[in-house]
């Protein structure tokens, strides 16, 4: 058995550590099955996307350690991490993964609050008198 590959994925405040090894397609997140951890189907699809794009959903076992952020952030961080781990495994996956868009870190995050404002851009209600 070859050594497992590991990678890190991030999105917003979420950070996921990924361990990828050859196996039967078992994906676990924080010691739970990913279908149990990510109960929404579209989040499960996000996690499966890198493996689906190279037609190997049942060839790898993935162990994910997710922390911080919310469900969506963690699912998308896992997507990036799995993509990076597959790339470490074999460079020939790159075109398929790149076409699926799983190698790009989503740079969007929450804008900071400014002083004199209620939120980042929302001002306090203007009172003329």
Protein backbone atom coordinates (compact mmCIF):
# COMPACT_ATOMS: atom_id res chain seq x y z
CA UNK A 1 0.00 0.00 0.00
CA UNK A 2 1.38 3.38 -0.98
CA UNK A 3 1.69 6.20 1.50
CA UNK A 4 -1.35 8.40 1.95
CA UNK A 5 -1.30 11.95 0.59
CA UNK A 6 -2.43 14.89 2.66
CA UNK A 7 -3.44 18.43 1.77
CA UNK A 8 -5.16 21.48 3.21
CA UNK A 9 -8.22 23.25 1.87
CA UNK A 10 -9.55 26.62 3.00
CA UNK A 11 -12.67 28.68 2.33
CA UNK A 12 -13.86 31.74 4.30
CA UNK A 13 -13.10 30.81 7.92
CA UNK A 14 -13.12 27.04 7.38
CA UNK A 15 -9.97 24.92 7.26
CA UNK A 16 -9.96 21.24 6.32
CA UNK A 17 -7.12 18.75 6.51
CA UNK A 18 -7.40 15.93 3.97
CA UNK A 19 -5.84 12.46 4.05
CA UNK A 20 -6.21 10.57 0.77
CA UNK A 21 -5.40 6.89 0.31
CA UNK A 22 -6.32 4.14 -2.17
CA UNK A 23 -9.47 2.34 -1.07
CA UNK A 24 -13.14 1.76 -1.70
CA UNK A 25 -14.60 5.27 -1.78
CA UNK A 26 -15.24 5.81 1.93
CA UNK A 27 -15.33 9.53 2.81
CA UNK A 28 -15.33 10.42 6.50
CA UNK A 29 -15.51 13.91 8.01
CA UNK A 30 -14.55 14.26 11.69
CA UNK A 31 -15.07 10.47 12.14
CA UNK A 32 -18.61 10.60 10.68
CA UNK A 33 -19.73 9.53 7.21
CA UNK A 34 -19.80 12.60 4.94
CA UNK A 35 -23.47 12.01 4.06
CA UNK A 36 -24.28 12.24 7.76
CA UNK A 37 -22.02 15.27 8.39
CA UNK A 38 -23.13 17.23 5.30
CA UNK A 39 -26.86 16.51 5.34
CA UNK A 40 -27.64 18.79 2.34
CA UNK A 41 -27.23 17.00 -0.98
CA UNK A 42 -25.58 19.92 -2.76
CA UNK A 43 -22.85 20.01 -0.09
CA UNK A 44 -22.29 16.26 -0.54
CA UNK A 45 -21.92 16.92 -4.28
CA UNK A 46 -19.31 19.60 -3.56
CA UNK A 47 -17.23 17.10 -1.60
CA UNK A 48 -17.56 14.41 -4.32
CA UNK A 49 -16.83 16.79 -7.22
CA UNK A 50 -13.01 16.35 -7.46
CA UNK A 51 -13.34 12.55 -7.38
CA UNK A 52 -16.24 12.58 -9.86
CA UNK A 53 -14.30 14.78 -12.29
CA UNK A 54 -11.59 12.08 -12.62
CA UNK A 55 -14.12 9.18 -12.56
CA UNK A 56 -12.68 7.61 -9.40
CA UNK A 57 -15.35 8.02 -6.73
CA UNK A 58 -14.81 4.42 -5.55
CA UNK A 59 -11.01 4.24 -5.87
CA UNK A 60 -9.95 6.43 -2.93
CA UNK A 61 -10.66 6.65 0.78
CA UNK A 62 -10.77 10.21 2.09
CA UNK A 63 -10.43 11.22 5.73
CA UNK A 64 -11.33 14.86 6.39
CA UNK A 65 -10.71 16.89 9.51
CA UNK A 66 -12.84 20.04 9.31
CA UNK A 67 -12.74 23.03 11.66
CA UNK A 68 -14.04 26.60 11.70
CA UNK A 69 -16.61 28.33 9.51
CA UNK A 70 -19.97 26.86 8.60
CA UNK A 71 -21.21 23.85 6.67
CA UNK A 72 -20.86 25.39 3.20
CA UNK A 73 -17.39 26.77 3.92
CA UNK A 74 -16.23 23.40 5.21
CA UNK A 75 -17.67 21.53 2.22
CA UNK A 76 -15.96 23.87 -0.25
CA UNK A 77 -12.71 23.75 1.72
CA UNK A 78 -12.88 19.94 1.53
CA UNK A 79 -13.39 20.19 -2.25
CA UNK A 80 -10.20 22.25 -2.63
CA UNK A 81 -8.24 19.98 -0.29
CA UNK A 82 -9.25 16.78 -2.10
CA UNK A 83 -8.33 18.42 -5.43
CA UNK A 84 -4.89 19.34 -4.10
CA UNK A 85 -4.30 15.87 -2.65
CA UNK A 86 -5.24 14.21 -5.98
CA UNK A 87 -2.83 16.55 -7.75
CA UNK A 88 -0.03 15.46 -5.39
CA UNK A 89 -0.90 11.86 -6.22
CA UNK A 90 -0.67 12.25 -10.00
CA UNK A 91 -0.05 15.25 -12.26
CA UNK A 92 -2.16 13.79 -15.10
CA UNK A 93 -5.33 14.58 -13.14
CA UNK A 94 -4.61 18.31 -13.51
CA UNK A 95 -6.56 19.10 -16.74
CA UNK A 96 -9.72 17.34 -15.51
CA UNK A 97 -9.52 18.94 -12.05
CA UNK A 98 -8.82 22.36 -13.52
CA UNK A 99 -11.79 22.07 -15.89
CA UNK A 100 -14.00 21.17 -12.92
CA UNK A 101 -12.68 24.27 -11.13
CA UNK A 102 -11.51 22.53 -7.95
CA UNK A 103 -7.95 23.86 -7.85
CA UNK A 104 -8.77 27.53 -7.31
CA UNK A 105 -9.03 28.91 -3.78
CA UNK A 106 -12.17 31.06 -3.53
CA UNK A 107 -10.79 34.43 -2.36
CA UNK A 108 -14.13 35.83 -1.21
CA UNK A 109 -14.45 36.42 2.51
CA UNK A 110 -16.36 38.71 4.84
CA UNK A 111 -15.56 42.41 4.43
CA UNK A 112 -14.46 44.16 7.61
CA UNK A 113 -16.76 46.52 9.47
CA UNK A 114 -15.86 50.21 9.14
CA UNK A 115 -16.16 52.69 11.98
CA UNK A 116 -19.05 55.12 11.62
CA UNK A 117 -21.00 52.36 9.89
CA UNK A 118 -23.39 49.72 11.18
CA UNK A 119 -21.82 46.95 9.06
CA UNK A 120 -19.19 46.95 6.30
CA UNK A 121 -21.18 49.23 4.01
CA UNK A 122 -24.51 49.78 5.75
CA UNK A 123 -24.61 53.23 7.37
CA UNK A 124 -26.63 54.26 10.37
CA UNK A 125 -29.99 55.75 9.52
CA UNK A 126 -29.60 59.39 8.56
CA UNK A 127 -31.61 61.81 10.64
CA UNK A 128 -32.00 65.25 9.14
CA UNK A 129 -33.16 66.86 12.40
